[in-house]
């Protein structure tokens, strides 16, 4: 019988290493299995690890449970290291984008605001006033039927514009060294209460 790492998941969970057992049953089972095999002193093969975990001697069984928990601690530490590296890389990317002098990065949001306020809103207003002025019933009925959709569309567009305005203001304060983030806000609030 060929064993796979996921075949060992329930046994490892039963030994008190649930995170490692779940990892064995998932796409990273091979990596988790290698850590478990090293902790058990076995070959990095599911059959060899199963043999090491299946010993019936009480002392060997206790050693296997301890090794499984040790392997789980190593697995969780490895996951934490990966997460730390990912967060660091995302933060570096965000800082690079914020400091970028790329014209597209700088101008897409102002162009979005100009297009919305100079073309779309006046275009809808002109279409509505023209329909009311000429009194064409099909056009007026069509605009009335579409009013909820148009309102939702405009709300979404202006919502994006609002997020841009507040975010850009925050970016400029941060670039000028005036924004202390969440911690700075808490400190300012506490200082004001005194």
C-alpha atoms as a PDB file:
ATOM      1  CA  UNK A   1       0.000   0.000   0.000  1.00  0.00           C
ATOM      2  CA  UNK A   2       1.427   3.358  -1.047  1.00  0.00           C
ATOM      3  CA  UNK A   3       1.011   5.981   1.602  1.00  0.00           C
ATOM      4  CA  UNK A   4       0.650   9.660   0.953  1.00  0.00           C
ATOM      5  CA  UNK A   5       1.272  12.506   3.400  1.00  0.00           C
ATOM      6  CA  UNK A   6      -2.450  13.139   3.726  1.00  0.00           C
ATOM      7  CA  UNK A   7      -2.861   9.553   4.962  1.00  0.00           C
ATOM      8  CA  UNK A   8      -0.837  10.538   8.040  1.00  0.00           C
ATOM      9  CA  UNK A   9      -2.825  13.701   8.817  1.00  0.00           C
ATOM     10  CA  UNK A  10      -5.328  12.112  11.241  1.00  0.00           C
ATOM     11  CA  UNK A  11      -2.575  10.256  13.113  1.00  0.00           C
ATOM     12  CA  UNK A  12      -0.510  13.445  13.549  1.00  0.00           C
ATOM     13  CA  UNK A  13      -3.578  15.401  14.689  1.00  0.00           C
ATOM     14  CA  UNK A  14      -4.235  12.640  17.217  1.00  0.00           C
ATOM     15  CA  UNK A  15      -0.714  13.066  18.580  1.00  0.00           C
ATOM     16  CA  UNK A  16      -1.465  16.684  19.473  1.00  0.00           C
ATOM     17  CA  UNK A  17      -0.172  18.477  16.385  1.00  0.00           C
ATOM     18  CA  UNK A  18      -3.339  19.694  14.618  1.00  0.00           C
ATOM     19  CA  UNK A  19      -1.737  22.440  12.525  1.00  0.00           C
ATOM     20  CA  UNK A  20       0.915  20.058  11.219  1.00  0.00           C
ATOM     21  CA  UNK A  21      -1.733  17.395  10.541  1.00  0.00           C
ATOM     22  CA  UNK A  22      -3.811  19.844   8.509  1.00  0.00           C
ATOM     23  CA  UNK A  23      -0.703  20.861   6.584  1.00  0.00           C
ATOM     24  CA  UNK A  24       0.009  17.215   5.768  1.00  0.00           C
ATOM     25  CA  UNK A  25      -3.471  16.943   4.265  1.00  0.00           C
ATOM     26  CA  UNK A  26      -3.049  20.074   2.139  1.00  0.00           C
ATOM     27  CA  UNK A  27      -0.951  21.241  -0.786  1.00  0.00           C
ATOM     28  CA  UNK A  28       2.119  21.771   1.412  1.00  0.00           C
ATOM     29  CA  UNK A  29       2.030  18.223   2.737  1.00  0.00           C
ATOM     30  CA  UNK A  30       5.469  17.366   1.370  1.00  0.00           C
ATOM     31  CA  UNK A  31       7.133  20.291   3.135  1.00  0.00           C
ATOM     32  CA  UNK A  32       5.312  19.542   6.393  1.00  0.00           C
ATOM     33  CA  UNK A  33       6.178  15.850   6.027  1.00  0.00           C
ATOM     34  CA  UNK A  34       9.855  16.661   5.627  1.00  0.00           C
ATOM     35  CA  UNK A  35       9.854  18.654   8.874  1.00  0.00           C
ATOM     36  CA  UNK A  36       8.023  15.811  10.646  1.00  0.00           C
ATOM     37  CA  UNK A  37      10.456  13.226   9.264  1.00  0.00           C
ATOM     38  CA  UNK A  38      13.437  15.253  10.503  1.00  0.00           C
ATOM     39  CA  UNK A  39      11.906  15.534  13.988  1.00  0.00           C
ATOM     40  CA  UNK A  40      11.302  11.770  14.074  1.00  0.00           C
ATOM     41  CA  UNK A  41      14.731  10.934  12.644  1.00  0.00           C
ATOM     42  CA  UNK A  42      13.090   9.035   9.768  1.00  0.00           C
ATOM     43  CA  UNK A  43      13.374   9.093   5.991  1.00  0.00           C
ATOM     44  CA  UNK A  44      11.319  11.858   4.373  1.00  0.00           C
ATOM     45  CA  UNK A  45       8.882   9.273   2.956  1.00  0.00           C
ATOM     46  CA  UNK A  46       5.284   8.813   4.154  1.00  0.00           C
ATOM     47  CA  UNK A  47       5.822   5.074   4.811  1.00  0.00           C
ATOM     48  CA  UNK A  48       8.926   5.664   6.947  1.00  0.00           C
ATOM     49  CA  UNK A  49       7.211   8.419   8.939  1.00  0.00           C
ATOM     50  CA  UNK A  50       4.147   6.192   9.399  1.00  0.00           C
ATOM     51  CA  UNK A  51       6.374   3.400  10.763  1.00  0.00           C
ATOM     52  CA  UNK A  52       7.971   5.837  13.223  1.00  0.00           C
ATOM     53  CA  UNK A  53       4.563   7.081  14.374  1.00  0.00           C
ATOM     54  CA  UNK A  54       2.977   3.625  14.644  1.00  0.00           C
ATOM     55  CA  UNK A  55       5.219   2.071  17.284  1.00  0.00           C
ATOM     56  CA  UNK A  56       3.172   0.478  20.077  1.00  0.00           C
ATOM     57  CA  UNK A  57       5.813   0.687  22.786  1.00  0.00           C
ATOM     58  CA  UNK A  58       4.623   3.376  25.283  1.00  0.00           C
ATOM     59  CA  UNK A  59       8.024   5.066  25.414  1.00  0.00           C
ATOM     60  CA  UNK A  60       8.375   5.122  21.612  1.00  0.00           C
ATOM     61  CA  UNK A  61       4.791   6.367  21.327  1.00  0.00           C
ATOM     62  CA  UNK A  62       5.504   9.226  23.752  1.00  0.00           C
ATOM     63  CA  UNK A  63       8.691  10.099  21.851  1.00  0.00           C
ATOM     64  CA  UNK A  64       6.713  10.154  18.573  1.00  0.00           C
ATOM     65  CA  UNK A  65       4.063  12.448  20.091  1.00  0.00           C
ATOM     66  CA  UNK A  66       6.748  14.775  21.407  1.00  0.00           C
ATOM     67  CA  UNK A  67       8.500  14.797  18.025  1.00  0.00           C
ATOM     68  CA  UNK A  68       5.200  15.571  16.275  1.00  0.00           C
ATOM     69  CA  UNK A  69       4.592  18.547  18.573  1.00  0.00           C
ATOM     70  CA  UNK A  70       8.188  19.713  18.044  1.00  0.00           C
ATOM     71  CA  UNK A  71       7.719  19.414  14.270  1.00  0.00           C
ATOM     72  CA  UNK A  72       4.494  21.414  14.546  1.00  0.00           C
ATOM     73  CA  UNK A  73       6.351  24.198  16.364  1.00  0.00           C
ATOM     74  CA  UNK A  74       8.979  24.218  13.591  1.00  0.00           C
ATOM     75  CA  UNK A  75       6.220  24.227  10.950  1.00  0.00           C
ATOM     76  CA  UNK A  76       4.472  27.198  12.567  1.00  0.00           C
ATOM     77  CA  UNK A  77       7.788  29.045  12.874  1.00  0.00           C
ATOM     78  CA  UNK A  78       8.453  28.438   9.169  1.00  0.00           C
ATOM     79  CA  UNK A  79       4.989  29.757   8.271  1.00  0.00           C
ATOM     80  CA  UNK A  80       5.590  32.833  10.433  1.00  0.00           C
ATOM     81  CA  UNK A  81       8.887  33.464   8.621  1.00  0.00           C
ATOM     82  CA  UNK A  82       7.159  33.213   5.247  1.00  0.00           C
ATOM     83  CA  UNK A  83       4.425  35.613   6.402  1.00  0.00           C
ATOM     84  CA  UNK A  84       7.030  38.069   7.718  1.00  0.00           C
ATOM     85  CA  UNK A  85       8.861  38.047   4.386  1.00  0.00           C
ATOM     86  CA  UNK A  86       5.595  38.555   2.480  1.00  0.00           C
ATOM     87  CA  UNK A  87       4.567  41.484   4.671  1.00  0.00           C
ATOM     88  CA  UNK A  88       8.004  43.039   4.260  1.00  0.00           C
ATOM     89  CA  UNK A  89       7.855  42.687   0.481  1.00  0.00           C
ATOM     90  CA  UNK A  90       4.344  44.155   0.300  1.00  0.00           C
ATOM     91  CA  UNK A  91       5.413  47.100   2.465  1.00  0.00           C
ATOM     92  CA  UNK A  92       8.474  47.713   0.247  1.00  0.00           C
ATOM     93  CA  UNK A  93       6.264  47.649  -2.848  1.00  0.00           C
ATOM     94  CA  UNK A  94       3.807  50.087  -1.288  1.00  0.00           C
ATOM     95  CA  UNK A  95       6.604  52.470  -0.294  1.00  0.00           C
ATOM     96  CA  UNK A  96       8.077  52.286  -3.805  1.00  0.00           C
ATOM     97  CA  UNK A  97       4.675  53.023  -5.358  1.00  0.00           C
ATOM     98  CA  UNK A  98       4.085  55.940  -2.987  1.00  0.00           C
ATOM     99  CA  UNK A  99       7.490  57.436  -3.843  1.00  0.00           C
ATOM    100  CA  UNK A 100       7.108  56.733  -7.547  1.00  0.00           C
ATOM    101  CA  UNK A 101       7.276  59.597  -9.979  1.00  0.00           C
ATOM    102  CA  UNK A 102       5.530  57.558 -12.649  1.00  0.00           C
ATOM    103  CA  UNK A 103       3.134  59.835 -14.567  1.00  0.00           C
ATOM    104  CA  UNK A 104       0.389  57.216 -14.645  1.00  0.00           C
ATOM    105  CA  UNK A 105       0.670  56.737 -10.878  1.00  0.00           C
ATOM    106  CA  UNK A 106       0.474  60.490 -10.309  1.00  0.00           C
ATOM    107  CA  UNK A 107      -2.210  61.425 -12.836  1.00  0.00           C
ATOM    108  CA  UNK A 108      -4.807  58.646 -13.067  1.00  0.00           C
ATOM    109  CA  UNK A 109      -6.739  59.768 -10.004  1.00  0.00           C
ATOM    110  CA  UNK A 110      -6.920  63.482 -10.929  1.00  0.00           C
ATOM    111  CA  UNK A 111      -7.939  62.526 -14.475  1.00  0.00           C
ATOM    112  CA  UNK A 112     -10.621  60.271 -13.025  1.00  0.00           C
ATOM    113  CA  UNK A 113     -11.983  63.174 -10.962  1.00  0.00           C
ATOM    114  CA  UNK A 114     -11.915  65.571 -13.905  1.00  0.00           C
ATOM    115  CA  UNK A 115     -13.641  63.116 -16.228  1.00  0.00           C
ATOM    116  CA  UNK A 116     -16.361  62.451 -13.685  1.00  0.00           C
ATOM    117  CA  UNK A 117     -17.060  66.057 -12.807  1.00  0.00           C
ATOM    118  CA  UNK A 118     -16.556  67.682 -16.219  1.00  0.00           C
ATOM    119  CA  UNK A 119     -18.034  65.069 -18.564  1.00  0.00           C
ATOM    120  CA  UNK A 120     -20.180  62.383 -16.941  1.00  0.00           C
ATOM    121  CA  UNK A 121     -22.232  64.481 -14.523  1.00  0.00           C
ATOM    122  CA  UNK A 122     -22.918  67.281 -17.017  1.00  0.00           C
ATOM    123  CA  UNK A 123     -23.673  64.670 -19.702  1.00  0.00           C
ATOM    124  CA  UNK A 124     -26.319  63.016 -17.540  1.00  0.00           C
ATOM    125  CA  UNK A 125     -27.728  66.418 -16.575  1.00  0.00           C
ATOM    126  CA  UNK A 126     -27.944  67.568 -20.208  1.00  0.00           C
ATOM    127  CA  UNK A 127     -29.665  64.314 -21.223  1.00  0.00           C
ATOM    128  CA  UNK A 128     -32.183  64.657 -18.367  1.00  0.00           C
ATOM    129  CA  UNK A 129     -32.936  68.342 -19.015  1.00  0.00           C
ATOM    130  CA  UNK A 130     -33.238  67.718 -22.759  1.00  0.00           C
ATOM    131  CA  UNK A 131     -35.703  64.877 -22.156  1.00  0.00           C
ATOM    132  CA  UNK A 132     -37.790  66.983 -19.775  1.00  0.00           C
ATOM    133  CA  UNK A 133     -37.617  70.066 -22.026  1.00  0.00           C
ATOM    134  CA  UNK A 134     -38.693  68.212 -25.158  1.00  0.00           C
ATOM    135  CA  UNK A 135     -41.205  66.124 -23.217  1.00  0.00           C
ATOM    136  CA  UNK A 136     -40.513  62.918 -25.133  1.00  0.00           C
ATOM    137  CA  UNK A 137     -42.326  60.267 -23.057  1.00  0.00           C
ATOM    138  CA  UNK A 138     -40.117  57.317 -24.095  1.00  0.00           C
ATOM    139  CA  UNK A 139     -36.932  59.133 -23.090  1.00  0.00           C
ATOM    140  CA  UNK A 140     -38.417  60.412 -19.817  1.00  0.00           C
ATOM    141  CA  UNK A 141     -39.757  56.928 -18.964  1.00  0.00           C
ATOM    142  CA  UNK A 142     -36.418  55.378 -19.868  1.00  0.00           C
ATOM    143  CA  UNK A 143     -34.557  57.765 -17.569  1.00  0.00           C
ATOM    144  CA  UNK A 144     -37.071  57.189 -14.776  1.00  0.00           C
ATOM    145  CA  UNK A 145     -36.711  53.406 -15.159  1.00  0.00           C
ATOM    146  CA  UNK A 146     -32.923  53.731 -15.100  1.00  0.00           C
ATOM    147  CA  UNK A 147     -32.799  56.237 -12.247  1.00  0.00           C
ATOM    148  CA  UNK A 148     -31.924  53.641  -9.572  1.00  0.00           C
ATOM    149  CA  UNK A 149     -29.139  52.233 -11.750  1.00  0.00           C
ATOM    150  CA  UNK A 150     -27.822  55.703 -12.562  1.00  0.00           C
ATOM    151  CA  UNK A 151     -27.881  56.677  -8.864  1.00  0.00           C
ATOM    152  CA  UNK A 152     -26.028  53.491  -7.867  1.00  0.00           C
ATOM    153  CA  UNK A 153     -23.470  54.055 -10.640  1.00  0.00           C
ATOM    154  CA  UNK A 154     -22.868  57.663  -9.603  1.00  0.00           C
ATOM    155  CA  UNK A 155     -22.683  56.707  -5.923  1.00  0.00           C
ATOM    156  CA  UNK A 156     -19.997  54.145  -6.730  1.00  0.00           C
ATOM    157  CA  UNK A 157     -18.061  56.587  -8.902  1.00  0.00           C
ATOM    158  CA  UNK A 158     -18.198  59.370  -6.299  1.00  0.00           C
ATOM    159  CA  UNK A 159     -17.359  56.846  -3.577  1.00  0.00           C
ATOM    160  CA  UNK A 160     -14.129  56.008  -5.405  1.00  0.00           C
ATOM    161  CA  UNK A 161     -13.462  59.733  -5.791  1.00  0.00           C
ATOM    162  CA  UNK A 162     -14.020  60.261  -2.049  1.00  0.00           C
ATOM    163  CA  UNK A 163     -11.619  57.465  -1.166  1.00  0.00           C
ATOM    164  CA  UNK A 164      -9.081  58.995  -3.531  1.00  0.00           C
ATOM    165  CA  UNK A 165      -9.388  62.457  -1.981  1.00  0.00           C
ATOM    166  CA  UNK A 166      -9.059  61.215   1.607  1.00  0.00           C
ATOM    167  CA  UNK A 167      -6.267  58.787   0.698  1.00  0.00           C
ATOM    168  CA  UNK A 168      -4.322  61.388  -1.239  1.00  0.00           C
ATOM    169  CA  UNK A 169      -4.602  63.834   1.650  1.00  0.00           C
ATOM    170  CA  UNK A 170      -3.285  61.161   3.994  1.00  0.00           C
ATOM    171  CA  UNK A 171      -0.420  60.384   1.580  1.00  0.00           C
ATOM    172  CA  UNK A 172       0.599  64.035   1.437  1.00  0.00           C
ATOM    173  CA  UNK A 173       0.508  64.418   5.238  1.00  0.00           C
ATOM    174  CA  UNK A 174       2.589  61.249   5.607  1.00  0.00           C
ATOM    175  CA  UNK A 175       5.097  62.452   3.008  1.00  0.00           C
ATOM    176  CA  UNK A 176       5.391  65.737   4.906  1.00  0.00           C
ATOM    177  CA  UNK A 177       5.918  63.859   8.174  1.00  0.00           C
ATOM    178  CA  UNK A 178       2.668  65.144   9.668  1.00  0.00           C
ATOM    179  CA  UNK A 179       0.778  61.859   9.859  1.00  0.00           C
ATOM    180  CA  UNK A 180       1.689  59.465  12.641  1.00  0.00           C
ATOM    181  CA  UNK A 181      -0.740  56.763  11.539  1.00  0.00           C
ATOM    182  CA  UNK A 182      -2.912  54.936  14.071  1.00  0.00           C
ATOM    183  CA  UNK A 183      -0.386  55.229  16.909  1.00  0.00           C
ATOM    184  CA  UNK A 184       0.125  58.930  16.224  1.00  0.00           C
ATOM    185  CA  UNK A 185      -3.644  59.464  16.262  1.00  0.00           C
ATOM    186  CA  UNK A 186      -3.942  57.716  19.611  1.00  0.00           C
ATOM    187  CA  UNK A 187      -1.103  59.749  21.087  1.00  0.00           C
ATOM    188  CA  UNK A 188      -2.669  63.001  19.841  1.00  0.00           C
ATOM    189  CA  UNK A 189      -6.052  62.003  21.267  1.00  0.00           C
ATOM    190  CA  UNK A 190      -4.535  61.194  24.659  1.00  0.00           C
ATOM    191  CA  UNK A 191      -2.518  64.436  24.728  1.00  0.00           C
ATOM    192  CA  UNK A 192      -5.641  66.482  23.938  1.00  0.00           C
ATOM    193  CA  UNK A 193      -7.566  64.898  26.850  1.00  0.00           C
ATOM    194  CA  UNK A 194      -4.994  66.028  29.428  1.00  0.00           C
END
